[in-house]
Amino acid sequence: MSTSLVVYLSFDGSAREAMTFYQTVFGGELAVHTFSDFGITDAPAEGVMHSELRADGFTVMGADSFTEPDGGWGTGRIHAAFMSDETERVQGFYGRFVERGAKVVASLEKQVWGDLYGEVIDPWGVAWMFNIAAPGGWAEGA
């Protein structure tokens, strides 16, 4: 097992700030393209049309989305889950989220299924789950 994750996140005008924050957590290369870069005139020129953070083994993408069918914005636009056996790497991700002010939903600790698990919610309301497989544990066979 290795660690891989690709998610696409929507923001209410704060995509650049959020994606820059994620880069401080994960490292990697961040590319940000605005609506004006794509010649789109019916959206804020400096709004993020598409961004892509390529880190070692995974990609996180994000954009500003100024409308939703229900017209509202809330938390939990997505849950992103790491399923991994790379303990130090994933513990580092979890720790950097916490150091940077993410709300701890579940401390990263051994669970009844035998694996380490923790969950945080970042400043933009995105929930991040971290499951580190214990040898012979549930996630190792997943």
C-alpha atoms as a PDB file:
ATOM      1  CA  MET A   1       0.000   0.000   0.000  1.00  0.00           C
ATOM      2  CA  SER A   2       1.149   3.558  -0.655  1.00  0.00           C
ATOM      3  CA  THR A   3      -0.427   6.954  -0.215  1.00  0.00           C
ATOM      4  CA  SER A   4      -2.388   8.530  -3.013  1.00  0.00           C
ATOM      5  CA  LEU A   5      -5.194  11.040  -3.082  1.00  0.00           C
ATOM      6  CA  VAL A   6      -6.807  13.217  -5.697  1.00  0.00           C
ATOM      7  CA  VAL A   7      -9.599  15.536  -4.650  1.00  0.00           C
ATOM      8  CA  TYR A   8     -11.254  18.574  -6.186  1.00  0.00           C
ATOM      9  CA  LEU A   9     -12.374  21.224  -3.757  1.00  0.00           C
ATOM     10  CA  SER A  10     -14.772  24.126  -4.305  1.00  0.00           C
ATOM     11  CA  PHE A  11     -14.445  27.427  -2.452  1.00  0.00           C
ATOM     12  CA  ASP A  12     -16.524  30.559  -2.097  1.00  0.00           C
ATOM     13  CA  GLY A  13     -13.846  32.938  -3.374  1.00  0.00           C
ATOM     14  CA  SER A  14     -10.986  31.758  -1.142  1.00  0.00           C
ATOM     15  CA  ALA A  15      -9.444  29.072  -3.377  1.00  0.00           C
ATOM     16  CA  ARG A  16      -6.074  30.812  -3.716  1.00  0.00           C
ATOM     17  CA  GLU A  17      -5.745  31.224   0.059  1.00  0.00           C
ATOM     18  CA  ALA A  18      -6.880  27.654   0.731  1.00  0.00           C
ATOM     19  CA  MET A  19      -4.628  26.079  -1.895  1.00  0.00           C
ATOM     20  CA  THR A  20      -1.639  28.086  -0.644  1.00  0.00           C
ATOM     21  CA  PHE A  21      -2.420  26.828   2.865  1.00  0.00           C
ATOM     22  CA  TYR A  22      -2.522  23.231   1.603  1.00  0.00           C
ATOM     23  CA  GLN A  23       0.857  23.758  -0.019  1.00  0.00           C
ATOM     24  CA  THR A  24       2.284  24.671   3.420  1.00  0.00           C
ATOM     25  CA  VAL A  25       0.898  21.387   4.749  1.00  0.00           C
ATOM     26  CA  PHE A  26       1.836  19.023   1.911  1.00  0.00           C
ATOM     27  CA  GLY A  27       4.663  20.798   0.073  1.00  0.00           C
ATOM     28  CA  GLY A  28       4.742  20.294  -3.689  1.00  0.00           C
ATOM     29  CA  GLU A  29       4.195  22.539  -6.683  1.00  0.00           C
ATOM     30  CA  LEU A  30       1.127  24.772  -6.890  1.00  0.00           C
ATOM     31  CA  ALA A  31      -0.250  26.119 -10.172  1.00  0.00           C
ATOM     32  CA  VAL A  32      -3.063  28.670  -9.979  1.00  0.00           C
ATOM     33  CA  HIS A  33      -5.037  29.866 -13.012  1.00  0.00           C
ATOM     34  CA  THR A  34      -7.559  32.689 -12.789  1.00  0.00           C
ATOM     35  CA  PHE A  35     -10.771  33.203 -14.720  1.00  0.00           C
ATOM     36  CA  SER A  36      -9.022  36.000 -16.615  1.00  0.00           C
ATOM     37  CA  ASP A  37      -6.258  33.549 -17.625  1.00  0.00           C
ATOM     38  CA  PHE A  38      -8.966  31.583 -19.441  1.00  0.00           C
ATOM     39  CA  GLY A  39     -10.674  34.672 -20.896  1.00  0.00           C
ATOM     40  CA  ILE A  40     -13.798  34.207 -18.802  1.00  0.00           C
ATOM     41  CA  THR A  41     -15.486  37.556 -18.290  1.00  0.00           C
ATOM     42  CA  ASP A  42     -18.604  36.627 -16.296  1.00  0.00           C
ATOM     43  CA  ALA A  43     -16.626  35.723 -13.145  1.00  0.00           C
ATOM     44  CA  PRO A  44     -14.233  37.728 -10.963  1.00  0.00           C
ATOM     45  CA  ALA A  45     -11.045  38.203 -13.016  1.00  0.00           C
ATOM     46  CA  GLU A  46      -8.728  37.151 -10.175  1.00  0.00           C
ATOM     47  CA  GLY A  47     -10.983  34.330  -9.003  1.00  0.00           C
ATOM     48  CA  VAL A  48      -9.437  30.875  -9.313  1.00  0.00           C
ATOM     49  CA  MET A  49     -10.717  28.963 -12.339  1.00  0.00           C
ATOM     50  CA  HIS A  50      -8.458  25.979 -11.634  1.00  0.00           C
ATOM     51  CA  SER A  51      -5.592  25.218  -9.302  1.00  0.00           C
ATOM     52  CA  GLU A  52      -3.531  22.115  -8.940  1.00  0.00           C
ATOM     53  CA  LEU A  53      -1.186  21.150  -6.160  1.00  0.00           C
ATOM     54  CA  ARG A  54       1.055  18.244  -7.102  1.00  0.00           C
ATOM     55  CA  ALA A  55       2.731  16.707  -4.100  1.00  0.00           C
ATOM     56  CA  ASP A  56       4.668  13.476  -3.812  1.00  0.00           C
ATOM     57  CA  GLY A  57       2.132  10.771  -4.694  1.00  0.00           C
ATOM     58  CA  PHE A  58      -1.084  12.773  -4.934  1.00  0.00           C
ATOM     59  CA  THR A  59      -2.809  15.795  -6.387  1.00  0.00           C
ATOM     60  CA  VAL A  60      -5.261  18.263  -4.845  1.00  0.00           C
ATOM     61  CA  MET A  61      -7.261  20.481  -7.193  1.00  0.00           C
ATOM     62  CA  GLY A  62      -9.452  23.433  -6.342  1.00  0.00           C
ATOM     63  CA  ALA A  63     -11.425  26.329  -7.772  1.00  0.00           C
ATOM     64  CA  ASP A  64     -13.678  29.184  -6.790  1.00  0.00           C
ATOM     65  CA  SER A  65     -17.308  28.354  -7.382  1.00  0.00           C
ATOM     66  CA  PHE A  66     -19.526  31.337  -6.823  1.00  0.00           C
ATOM     67  CA  THR A  67     -22.881  29.623  -7.106  1.00  0.00           C
ATOM     68  CA  GLU A  68     -24.408  26.406  -5.869  1.00  0.00           C
ATOM     69  CA  PRO A  69     -27.851  25.017  -6.665  1.00  0.00           C
ATOM     70  CA  ASP A  70     -29.118  25.810  -3.161  1.00  0.00           C
ATOM     71  CA  GLY A  71     -27.409  29.219  -3.187  1.00  0.00           C
ATOM     72  CA  GLY A  72     -25.599  28.531   0.050  1.00  0.00           C
ATOM     73  CA  TRP A  73     -22.153  27.704   1.297  1.00  0.00           C
ATOM     74  CA  GLY A  74     -21.454  25.524   4.247  1.00  0.00           C
ATOM     75  CA  THR A  75     -18.871  23.240   5.669  1.00  0.00           C
ATOM     76  CA  GLY A  76     -18.094  19.780   4.430  1.00  0.00           C
ATOM     77  CA  ARG A  77     -17.994  20.388   0.691  1.00  0.00           C
ATOM     78  CA  ILE A  78     -15.892  17.236   0.636  1.00  0.00           C
ATOM     79  CA  HIS A  79     -14.251  14.684   2.863  1.00  0.00           C
ATOM     80  CA  ALA A  80     -10.762  13.775   1.755  1.00  0.00           C
ATOM     81  CA  ALA A  81      -9.375  10.528   3.117  1.00  0.00           C
ATOM     82  CA  PHE A  82      -5.825   9.243   3.293  1.00  0.00           C
ATOM     83  CA  MET A  83      -5.574   5.455   3.492  1.00  0.00           C
ATOM     84  CA  SER A  84      -1.940   4.642   3.963  1.00  0.00           C
ATOM     85  CA  ASP A  85       0.724   2.541   5.598  1.00  0.00           C
ATOM     86  CA  GLU A  86       3.271   5.387   5.500  1.00  0.00           C
ATOM     87  CA  THR A  87       3.033   6.270   9.200  1.00  0.00           C
ATOM     88  CA  GLU A  88       5.525   9.144   9.483  1.00  0.00           C
ATOM     89  CA  ARG A  89       4.360  10.810   6.293  1.00  0.00           C
ATOM     90  CA  VAL A  90       0.671  10.789   7.175  1.00  0.00           C
ATOM     91  CA  GLN A  91       1.323  11.706  10.827  1.00  0.00           C
ATOM     92  CA  GLY A  92       3.206  14.711   9.463  1.00  0.00           C
ATOM     93  CA  PHE A  93       0.220  15.805   7.363  1.00  0.00           C
ATOM     94  CA  TYR A  94      -2.104  15.467  10.344  1.00  0.00           C
ATOM     95  CA  GLY A  95       0.278  17.345  12.633  1.00  0.00           C
ATOM     96  CA  ARG A  96       0.774  20.230  10.200  1.00  0.00           C
ATOM     97  CA  PHE A  97      -3.000  20.666   9.850  1.00  0.00           C
ATOM     98  CA  VAL A  98      -3.322  20.851  13.644  1.00  0.00           C
ATOM     99  CA  GLU A  99      -0.340  23.236  13.960  1.00  0.00           C
ATOM    100  CA  ARG A 100      -1.982  25.541  11.415  1.00  0.00           C
ATOM    101  CA  GLY A 101      -5.284  25.785  13.268  1.00  0.00           C
ATOM    102  CA  ALA A 102      -7.415  22.945  11.938  1.00  0.00           C
ATOM    103  CA  LYS A 103     -10.155  21.807  14.318  1.00  0.00           C
ATOM    104  CA  VAL A 104      -9.489  18.331  15.686  1.00  0.00           C
ATOM    105  CA  VAL A 105     -12.529  16.086  15.261  1.00  0.00           C
ATOM    106  CA  ALA A 106     -10.685  12.896  16.233  1.00  0.00           C
ATOM    107  CA  SER A 107      -7.172  12.705  17.639  1.00  0.00           C
ATOM    108  CA  LEU A 108      -4.811  10.529  15.633  1.00  0.00           C
ATOM    109  CA  GLU A 109      -4.749   7.385  17.736  1.00  0.00           C
ATOM    110  CA  LYS A 110      -5.316   3.642  17.604  1.00  0.00           C
ATOM    111  CA  GLN A 111      -8.913   2.684  16.887  1.00  0.00           C
ATOM    112  CA  VAL A 112     -10.994  -0.427  17.520  1.00  0.00           C
ATOM    113  CA  TRP A 113     -10.276  -1.677  14.006  1.00  0.00           C
ATOM    114  CA  GLY A 114      -6.557  -1.689  14.802  1.00  0.00           C
ATOM    115  CA  ASP A 115      -5.392   1.247  12.688  1.00  0.00           C
ATOM    116  CA  LEU A 116      -4.397   4.776  13.635  1.00  0.00           C
ATOM    117  CA  TYR A 117      -7.143   7.225  12.717  1.00  0.00           C
ATOM    118  CA  GLY A 118      -7.647  10.955  13.082  1.00  0.00           C
ATOM    119  CA  GLU A 119      -9.808  13.648  11.532  1.00  0.00           C
ATOM    120  CA  VAL A 120      -9.563  17.429  11.263  1.00  0.00           C
ATOM    121  CA  ILE A 121     -11.608  20.211   9.704  1.00  0.00           C
ATOM    122  CA  ASP A 122      -9.530  22.931   8.091  1.00  0.00           C
ATOM    123  CA  PRO A 123     -10.328  26.676   8.167  1.00  0.00           C
ATOM    124  CA  TRP A 124     -12.446  26.289   4.991  1.00  0.00           C
ATOM    125  CA  GLY A 125     -14.686  23.560   6.377  1.00  0.00           C
ATOM    126  CA  VAL A 126     -13.067  20.670   4.508  1.00  0.00           C
ATOM    127  CA  ALA A 127     -12.874  17.494   6.574  1.00  0.00           C
ATOM    128  CA  TRP A 128      -9.648  15.478   6.263  1.00  0.00           C
ATOM    129  CA  MET A 129      -9.496  11.870   7.505  1.00  0.00           C
ATOM    130  CA  PHE A 130      -6.241  10.014   8.155  1.00  0.00           C
ATOM    131  CA  ASN A 131      -6.175   6.220   8.450  1.00  0.00           C
ATOM    132  CA  ILE A 132      -2.798   4.573   8.893  1.00  0.00           C
ATOM    133  CA  ALA A 133      -2.882   0.808   8.482  1.00  0.00           C
ATOM    134  CA  ALA A 134      -1.552  -1.298  11.305  1.00  0.00           C
ATOM    135  CA  PRO A 135       0.218  -4.493  10.210  1.00  0.00           C
ATOM    136  CA  GLY A 136      -2.608  -6.959   9.652  1.00  0.00           C
ATOM    137  CA  GLY A 137      -5.165  -4.229  10.344  1.00  0.00           C
ATOM    138  CA  TRP A 138      -8.363  -3.447   8.459  1.00  0.00           C
ATOM    139  CA  ALA A 139      -6.945  -0.821   6.065  1.00  0.00           C
ATOM    140  CA  GLU A 140      -3.916  -2.892   5.123  1.00  0.00           C
ATOM    141  CA  GLY A 141      -6.179  -5.248   3.226  1.00  0.00           C
ATOM    142  CA  ALA A 142      -8.413  -2.521   1.820  1.00  0.00           C
END
